Amino acid sequence: MTYETSSGDHSLTVGHYDEIIKAYDLASASDSDKAKMLLCLAALFTNYSSTAIFGTEYESPEMLRFYAYALMEKAHKLDKRVFEDGKENAFADWRNRLLGLANAHSCSGVLSILMNGHIRKHFPAVMAAIMPPAWS
């Protein structure tokens, strides 16, 4: 993962992105399918940062949040539509929650619920393929 200090932006390196694509056998997948998988992974890492896994009541591991954002940001670059729900696009809200921007409510447990609800509504099979069965 790269970190750009001047902008505060977090993004995946090309090499790491390529490893993800290879690990999930997505080389020939459409950008939309790649974006869906990356968003599902972002939701998993958001959950990892919550009190359900590695977080505490008032703290969640920042690196997990930054990694979740990096996955989400790459998904957004590949296909913005995976964040759409009717007329709404959740990307900006979820970015603000993950990175603690714009006074957004930053509870990663709540965000994980929002992300998983969106994914279950729009592309549940992708998440089902990677989510631990105990979490479903």
N, C-alpha and C. Protein backbone atom coordinates (compact mmCIF):
# COMPACT_ATOMS: atom_id res chain seq x y z
N MET A 1 0.86 -1.17 0.00
CA MET A 1 0.00 0.00 0.00
C MET A 1 0.90 1.22 0.00
N THR A 2 0.55 2.19 -0.81
CA THR A 2 1.31 3.44 -0.81
C THR A 2 0.58 4.45 0.04
N TYR A 3 1.34 5.40 0.53
CA TYR A 3 0.77 6.46 1.36
C TYR A 3 1.34 7.77 0.88
N GLU A 4 0.49 8.67 0.48
CA GLU A 4 0.89 9.99 0.00
C GLU A 4 0.64 10.97 1.13
N THR A 5 1.72 11.46 1.74
CA THR A 5 1.57 12.31 2.92
C THR A 5 0.99 13.68 2.62
N SER A 6 1.26 14.21 1.44
CA SER A 6 0.78 15.57 1.16
C SER A 6 -0.73 15.63 1.01
N SER A 7 -1.33 14.57 0.50
CA SER A 7 -2.78 14.59 0.30
C SER A 7 -3.52 13.78 1.35
N GLY A 8 -2.80 12.95 2.11
CA GLY A 8 -3.46 12.08 3.07
C GLY A 8 -4.16 10.92 2.41
N ASP A 9 -3.87 10.70 1.13
CA ASP A 9 -4.54 9.66 0.36
C ASP A 9 -3.85 8.32 0.58
N HIS A 10 -4.61 7.27 0.50
CA HIS A 10 -4.11 5.92 0.66
C HIS A 10 -4.52 5.14 -0.57
N SER A 11 -3.57 4.43 -1.17
CA SER A 11 -3.91 3.66 -2.36
C SER A 11 -3.05 2.41 -2.45
N LEU A 12 -3.54 1.43 -3.21
CA LEU A 12 -2.82 0.19 -3.41
C LEU A 12 -1.68 0.42 -4.39
N THR A 13 -0.56 -0.26 -4.18
CA THR A 13 0.50 -0.24 -5.18
C THR A 13 0.03 -1.10 -6.36
N VAL A 14 0.62 -0.87 -7.51
CA VAL A 14 0.28 -1.67 -8.69
C VAL A 14 0.59 -3.14 -8.42
N GLY A 15 1.75 -3.40 -7.80
CA GLY A 15 2.13 -4.77 -7.51
C GLY A 15 1.16 -5.48 -6.58
N HIS A 16 0.72 -4.78 -5.55
CA HIS A 16 -0.22 -5.40 -4.61
C HIS A 16 -1.58 -5.64 -5.27
N TYR A 17 -2.03 -4.67 -6.05
CA TYR A 17 -3.28 -4.84 -6.79
C TYR A 17 -3.17 -6.07 -7.70
N ASP A 18 -2.05 -6.20 -8.40
CA ASP A 18 -1.86 -7.35 -9.29
C ASP A 18 -1.91 -8.67 -8.51
N GLU A 19 -1.36 -8.68 -7.29
CA GLU A 19 -1.40 -9.88 -6.45
C GLU A 19 -2.84 -10.23 -6.07
N ILE A 20 -3.63 -9.24 -5.77
CA ILE A 20 -5.04 -9.48 -5.43
C ILE A 20 -5.77 -10.07 -6.64
N ILE A 21 -5.54 -9.47 -7.79
CA ILE A 21 -6.19 -9.95 -9.02
C ILE A 21 -5.81 -11.41 -9.28
N LYS A 22 -4.55 -11.73 -9.09
CA LYS A 22 -4.08 -13.10 -9.29
C LYS A 22 -4.68 -14.04 -8.24
N ALA A 23 -4.66 -13.63 -6.98
CA ALA A 23 -5.15 -14.48 -5.89
C ALA A 23 -6.62 -14.84 -6.05
N TYR A 24 -7.40 -13.92 -6.59
CA TYR A 24 -8.84 -14.16 -6.76
C TYR A 24 -9.20 -14.53 -8.19
N ASP A 25 -8.18 -14.84 -9.00
CA ASP A 25 -8.38 -15.29 -10.38
C ASP A 25 -9.27 -14.33 -11.17
N LEU A 26 -8.92 -13.05 -11.12
CA LEU A 26 -9.73 -12.01 -11.76
C LEU A 26 -9.07 -11.39 -13.00
N ALA A 27 -8.00 -12.01 -13.49
CA ALA A 27 -7.26 -11.42 -14.61
C ALA A 27 -8.15 -11.15 -15.82
N SER A 28 -9.07 -12.04 -16.10
CA SER A 28 -9.93 -11.85 -17.27
C SER A 28 -11.31 -11.28 -16.90
N ALA A 29 -11.48 -10.92 -15.65
CA ALA A 29 -12.77 -10.36 -15.20
C ALA A 29 -12.94 -8.93 -15.68
N SER A 30 -14.17 -8.50 -15.77
CA SER A 30 -14.46 -7.11 -16.14
C SER A 30 -14.04 -6.18 -15.00
N ASP A 31 -13.87 -4.90 -15.31
CA ASP A 31 -13.55 -3.93 -14.26
C ASP A 31 -14.64 -3.90 -13.20
N SER A 32 -15.88 -4.08 -13.62
CA SER A 32 -16.99 -4.10 -12.67
C SER A 32 -16.86 -5.26 -11.69
N ASP A 33 -16.53 -6.44 -12.20
CA ASP A 33 -16.37 -7.60 -11.32
C ASP A 33 -15.17 -7.43 -10.38
N LYS A 34 -14.09 -6.84 -10.89
CA LYS A 34 -12.93 -6.56 -10.04
C LYS A 34 -13.33 -5.57 -8.94
N ALA A 35 -14.08 -4.55 -9.31
CA ALA A 35 -14.51 -3.53 -8.34
C ALA A 35 -15.39 -4.15 -7.26
N LYS A 36 -16.27 -5.05 -7.65
CA LYS A 36 -17.14 -5.71 -6.67
C LYS A 36 -16.31 -6.52 -5.67
N MET A 37 -15.31 -7.25 -6.16
CA MET A 37 -14.46 -8.03 -5.27
C MET A 37 -13.68 -7.11 -4.33
N LEU A 38 -13.13 -6.04 -4.86
CA LEU A 38 -12.37 -5.11 -4.02
C LEU A 38 -13.26 -4.47 -2.96
N LEU A 39 -14.49 -4.13 -3.32
CA LEU A 39 -15.40 -3.56 -2.34
C LEU A 39 -15.75 -4.59 -1.26
N CYS A 40 -15.92 -5.83 -1.65
CA CYS A 40 -16.19 -6.88 -0.65
C CYS A 40 -14.99 -7.05 0.29
N LEU A 41 -13.79 -7.01 -0.26
CA LEU A 41 -12.59 -7.10 0.59
C LEU A 41 -12.51 -5.89 1.51
N ALA A 42 -12.85 -4.71 1.00
CA ALA A 42 -12.86 -3.50 1.83
C ALA A 42 -13.84 -3.66 2.99
N ALA A 43 -14.99 -4.24 2.73
CA ALA A 43 -15.97 -4.46 3.79
C ALA A 43 -15.44 -5.43 4.84
N LEU A 44 -14.73 -6.47 4.39
CA LEU A 44 -14.14 -7.41 5.35
C LEU A 44 -13.10 -6.72 6.23
N PHE A 45 -12.23 -5.92 5.62
CA PHE A 45 -11.20 -5.24 6.41
C PHE A 45 -11.80 -4.17 7.31
N THR A 46 -12.89 -3.58 6.90
CA THR A 46 -13.59 -2.65 7.78
C THR A 46 -14.11 -3.39 9.00
N ASN A 47 -14.65 -4.58 8.78
CA ASN A 47 -15.11 -5.40 9.91
C ASN A 47 -13.94 -5.80 10.80
N TYR A 48 -12.79 -6.14 10.20
CA TYR A 48 -11.61 -6.49 10.99
C TYR A 48 -11.23 -5.35 11.93
N SER A 49 -11.44 -4.10 11.49
CA SER A 49 -11.05 -2.95 12.31
C SER A 49 -12.06 -2.63 13.41
N SER A 50 -13.20 -3.29 13.38
CA SER A 50 -14.25 -3.01 14.37
C SER A 50 -14.03 -3.78 15.67
N THR A 51 -14.87 -3.50 16.64
CA THR A 51 -14.77 -4.21 17.93
C THR A 51 -15.08 -5.70 17.78
N ALA A 52 -15.70 -6.08 16.68
CA ALA A 52 -16.00 -7.50 16.46
C ALA A 52 -14.73 -8.33 16.29
N ILE A 53 -13.63 -7.69 15.85
CA ILE A 53 -12.39 -8.42 15.61
C ILE A 53 -11.21 -7.78 16.36
N PHE A 54 -10.60 -6.74 15.78
CA PHE A 54 -9.37 -6.17 16.34
C PHE A 54 -9.54 -4.82 17.02
N GLY A 55 -10.66 -4.17 16.84
CA GLY A 55 -10.85 -2.84 17.42
C GLY A 55 -11.28 -2.89 18.87
N THR A 56 -11.28 -1.72 19.49
CA THR A 56 -11.80 -1.58 20.85
C THR A 56 -12.94 -0.57 20.79
N GLU A 57 -13.56 -0.32 21.91
CA GLU A 57 -14.72 0.57 21.95
C GLU A 57 -14.44 1.93 21.34
N TYR A 58 -13.26 2.49 21.60
CA TYR A 58 -12.97 3.84 21.12
C TYR A 58 -11.82 3.91 20.12
N GLU A 59 -11.24 2.79 19.78
CA GLU A 59 -10.11 2.77 18.85
C GLU A 59 -10.25 1.60 17.89
N SER A 60 -9.96 1.87 16.63
CA SER A 60 -9.85 0.77 15.68
C SER A 60 -8.52 0.93 14.97
N PRO A 61 -7.87 -0.18 14.63
CA PRO A 61 -6.55 -0.11 14.02
C PRO A 61 -6.57 0.71 12.72
N GLU A 62 -5.83 1.81 12.74
CA GLU A 62 -5.84 2.72 11.59
C GLU A 62 -5.36 2.04 10.31
N MET A 63 -4.33 1.20 10.40
CA MET A 63 -3.82 0.57 9.18
C MET A 63 -4.87 -0.31 8.53
N LEU A 64 -5.71 -0.96 9.30
CA LEU A 64 -6.79 -1.76 8.71
C LEU A 64 -7.80 -0.84 8.02
N ARG A 65 -8.09 0.29 8.64
CA ARG A 65 -9.02 1.26 8.04
C ARG A 65 -8.42 1.83 6.75
N PHE A 66 -7.13 2.16 6.78
CA PHE A 66 -6.47 2.71 5.60
C PHE A 66 -6.45 1.68 4.47
N TYR A 67 -6.19 0.42 4.82
CA TYR A 67 -6.18 -0.63 3.81
C TYR A 67 -7.58 -0.83 3.23
N ALA A 68 -8.59 -0.83 4.09
CA ALA A 68 -9.97 -0.93 3.61
C ALA A 68 -10.28 0.21 2.65
N TYR A 69 -9.83 1.42 3.00
CA TYR A 69 -10.06 2.55 2.11
C TYR A 69 -9.31 2.37 0.80
N ALA A 70 -8.07 1.89 0.84
CA ALA A 70 -7.30 1.70 -0.39
C ALA A 70 -8.01 0.72 -1.32
N LEU A 71 -8.55 -0.35 -0.77
CA LEU A 71 -9.32 -1.31 -1.58
C LEU A 71 -10.56 -0.64 -2.16
N MET A 72 -11.24 0.11 -1.33
CA MET A 72 -12.46 0.79 -1.75
C MET A 72 -12.16 1.84 -2.82
N GLU A 73 -11.07 2.57 -2.65
CA GLU A 73 -10.70 3.61 -3.61
C GLU A 73 -10.40 3.00 -4.98
N LYS A 74 -9.70 1.86 -5.00
CA LYS A 74 -9.40 1.19 -6.27
C LYS A 74 -10.70 0.68 -6.91
N ALA A 75 -11.60 0.16 -6.10
CA ALA A 75 -12.90 -0.27 -6.63
C ALA A 75 -13.62 0.90 -7.27
N HIS A 76 -13.58 2.04 -6.63
CA HIS A 76 -14.25 3.25 -7.14
C HIS A 76 -13.64 3.68 -8.46
N LYS A 77 -12.31 3.59 -8.58
CA LYS A 77 -11.64 3.95 -9.84
C LYS A 77 -12.03 2.99 -10.96
N LEU A 78 -12.21 1.72 -10.62
CA LEU A 78 -12.56 0.72 -11.63
C LEU A 78 -14.01 0.84 -12.09
N ASP A 79 -14.93 1.08 -11.15
CA ASP A 79 -16.35 1.16 -11.51
C ASP A 79 -17.13 1.85 -10.40
N LYS A 80 -17.39 3.12 -10.58
CA LYS A 80 -18.12 3.92 -9.58
C LYS A 80 -19.51 3.37 -9.31
N ARG A 81 -20.07 2.65 -10.27
CA ARG A 81 -21.44 2.16 -10.14
C ARG A 81 -21.62 1.14 -9.03
N VAL A 82 -20.55 0.47 -8.60
CA VAL A 82 -20.72 -0.53 -7.53
C VAL A 82 -21.10 0.12 -6.20
N PHE A 83 -20.95 1.44 -6.11
CA PHE A 83 -21.30 2.17 -4.89
C PHE A 83 -22.70 2.77 -4.95
N GLU A 84 -23.35 2.63 -6.09
CA GLU A 84 -24.65 3.27 -6.28
C GLU A 84 -25.78 2.43 -5.69
N ASP A 85 -26.75 3.16 -5.16
CA ASP A 85 -27.98 2.56 -4.66
C ASP A 85 -29.09 3.53 -5.02
N GLY A 86 -29.71 3.32 -6.14
CA GLY A 86 -30.68 4.30 -6.64
C GLY A 86 -29.93 5.54 -7.09
N LYS A 87 -30.29 6.68 -6.55
CA LYS A 87 -29.63 7.93 -6.92
C LYS A 87 -28.42 8.23 -6.05
N GLU A 88 -28.24 7.48 -4.99
CA GLU A 88 -27.16 7.73 -4.04
C GLU A 88 -25.90 6.96 -4.41
N ASN A 89 -24.75 7.56 -4.15
CA ASN A 89 -23.47 6.90 -4.30
C ASN A 89 -22.79 6.96 -2.94
N ALA A 90 -22.51 5.83 -2.36
CA ALA A 90 -22.03 5.74 -0.98
C ALA A 90 -20.54 6.02 -0.82
N PHE A 91 -19.80 6.13 -1.90
CA PHE A 91 -18.34 6.23 -1.78
C PHE A 91 -17.89 7.36 -0.87
N ALA A 92 -18.35 8.57 -1.09
CA ALA A 92 -17.88 9.72 -0.30
C ALA A 92 -18.20 9.55 1.18
N ASP A 93 -19.40 9.07 1.49
CA ASP A 93 -19.79 8.86 2.88
C ASP A 93 -18.89 7.81 3.53
N TRP A 94 -18.68 6.69 2.84
CA TRP A 94 -17.86 5.63 3.41
C TRP A 94 -16.41 6.06 3.53
N ARG A 95 -15.89 6.82 2.57
CA ARG A 95 -14.53 7.36 2.66
C ARG A 95 -14.40 8.23 3.91
N ASN A 96 -15.36 9.13 4.08
CA ASN A 96 -15.31 10.03 5.24
C ASN A 96 -15.37 9.26 6.55
N ARG A 97 -16.16 8.21 6.60
CA ARG A 97 -16.27 7.40 7.81
C ARG A 97 -14.97 6.63 8.08
N LEU A 98 -14.39 6.05 7.04
CA LEU A 98 -13.15 5.28 7.23
C LEU A 98 -11.98 6.16 7.62
N LEU A 99 -11.89 7.34 7.01
CA LEU A 99 -10.73 8.20 7.23
C LEU A 99 -10.97 9.28 8.28
N GLY A 100 -12.17 9.31 8.86
CA GLY A 100 -12.47 10.30 9.89
C GLY A 100 -12.52 11.72 9.36
N LEU A 101 -13.11 11.90 8.18
CA LEU A 101 -13.19 13.21 7.54
C LEU A 101 -14.59 13.81 7.69
N ALA A 102 -14.68 15.10 7.56
CA ALA A 102 -15.96 15.83 7.49
C ALA A 102 -16.89 15.52 8.66
N ASN A 103 -16.33 15.30 9.82
CA ASN A 103 -17.12 15.01 11.03
C ASN A 103 -18.07 13.83 10.86
N ALA A 104 -17.72 12.90 9.97
CA ALA A 104 -18.56 11.72 9.74
C ALA A 104 -18.46 10.77 10.92
N HIS A 105 -19.56 10.08 11.21
CA HIS A 105 -19.57 9.06 12.26
C HIS A 105 -18.61 7.96 11.81
N SER A 106 -17.57 7.70 12.59
CA SER A 106 -16.50 6.83 12.12
C SER A 106 -16.47 5.44 12.75
N CYS A 107 -17.54 5.02 13.37
CA CYS A 107 -17.58 3.68 13.97
C CYS A 107 -17.46 2.63 12.86
N SER A 108 -16.39 1.84 12.91
CA SER A 108 -16.19 0.86 11.85
C SER A 108 -17.20 -0.27 11.92
N GLY A 109 -17.76 -0.54 13.09
CA GLY A 109 -18.81 -1.56 13.19
C GLY A 109 -20.06 -1.14 12.44
N VAL A 110 -20.46 0.11 12.62
CA VAL A 110 -21.63 0.65 11.90
C VAL A 110 -21.34 0.68 10.40
N LEU A 111 -20.15 1.14 10.03
CA LEU A 111 -19.79 1.20 8.61
C LEU A 111 -19.78 -0.19 7.99
N SER A 112 -19.27 -1.16 8.71
CA SER A 112 -19.26 -2.53 8.20
C SER A 112 -20.68 -3.02 7.92
N ILE A 113 -21.61 -2.70 8.80
CA ILE A 113 -23.02 -3.07 8.59
C ILE A 113 -23.57 -2.39 7.34
N LEU A 114 -23.27 -1.11 7.16
CA LEU A 114 -23.74 -0.38 5.97
C LEU A 114 -23.18 -0.98 4.69
N MET A 115 -21.88 -1.24 4.70
CA MET A 115 -21.23 -1.79 3.51
C MET A 115 -21.77 -3.18 3.19
N ASN A 116 -21.88 -4.02 4.20
CA ASN A 116 -22.38 -5.38 3.98
C ASN A 116 -23.83 -5.38 3.52
N GLY A 117 -24.63 -4.47 4.03
CA GLY A 117 -26.02 -4.36 3.58
C GLY A 117 -26.09 -3.99 2.10
N HIS A 118 -25.26 -3.05 1.69
CA HIS A 118 -25.21 -2.63 0.28
C HIS A 118 -24.78 -3.80 -0.60
N ILE A 119 -23.74 -4.50 -0.17
CA ILE A 119 -23.21 -5.62 -0.95
C ILE A 119 -24.24 -6.74 -1.04
N ARG A 120 -24.87 -7.07 0.06
CA ARG A 120 -25.89 -8.14 0.04
C ARG A 120 -27.06 -7.79 -0.87
N LYS A 121 -27.37 -6.52 -0.97
CA LYS A 121 -28.47 -6.08 -1.83
C LYS A 121 -28.10 -6.14 -3.31
N HIS A 122 -26.85 -5.82 -3.65
CA HIS A 122 -26.48 -5.66 -5.05
C HIS A 122 -25.64 -6.78 -5.66
N PHE A 123 -24.77 -7.41 -4.90
CA PHE A 123 -23.96 -8.52 -5.44
C PHE A 123 -23.57 -9.49 -4.32
N PRO A 124 -24.57 -10.15 -3.75
CA PRO A 124 -24.34 -11.04 -2.60
C PRO A 124 -23.44 -12.24 -2.90
N ALA A 125 -23.46 -12.74 -4.13
CA ALA A 125 -22.66 -13.92 -4.45
C ALA A 125 -21.17 -13.65 -4.34
N VAL A 126 -20.76 -12.42 -4.63
CA VAL A 126 -19.34 -12.08 -4.55
C VAL A 126 -18.88 -12.15 -3.09
N MET A 127 -19.65 -11.55 -2.20
CA MET A 127 -19.29 -11.58 -0.78
C MET A 127 -19.37 -13.00 -0.23
N ALA A 128 -20.37 -13.74 -0.63
CA ALA A 128 -20.53 -15.11 -0.13
C ALA A 128 -19.32 -15.98 -0.48
N ALA A 129 -18.67 -15.66 -1.59
CA ALA A 129 -17.51 -16.44 -2.02
C ALA A 129 -16.28 -16.21 -1.15
N ILE A 130 -16.22 -15.07 -0.45
CA ILE A 130 -15.02 -14.77 0.34
C ILE A 130 -15.26 -14.59 1.83
N MET A 131 -16.49 -14.37 2.24
CA MET A 131 -16.78 -14.11 3.65
C MET A 131 -16.73 -15.40 4.46
N PRO A 132 -16.09 -15.36 5.61
CA PRO A 132 -16.12 -16.54 6.48
C PRO A 132 -17.57 -16.91 6.81
N PRO A 133 -17.93 -18.19 6.70
CA PRO A 133 -19.32 -18.61 6.92
C PRO A 133 -19.90 -18.16 8.26
N ALA A 134 -19.08 -18.09 9.29
CA ALA A 134 -19.58 -17.70 10.62
C ALA A 134 -20.08 -16.26 10.63
N TRP A 135 -19.66 -15.44 9.68
CA TRP A 135 -20.06 -14.04 9.63
C TRP A 135 -21.35 -13.81 8.87
N SER A 136 -21.83 -14.83 8.16
CA SER A 136 -23.02 -14.58 7.34
C SER A 136 -24.30 -14.70 8.11
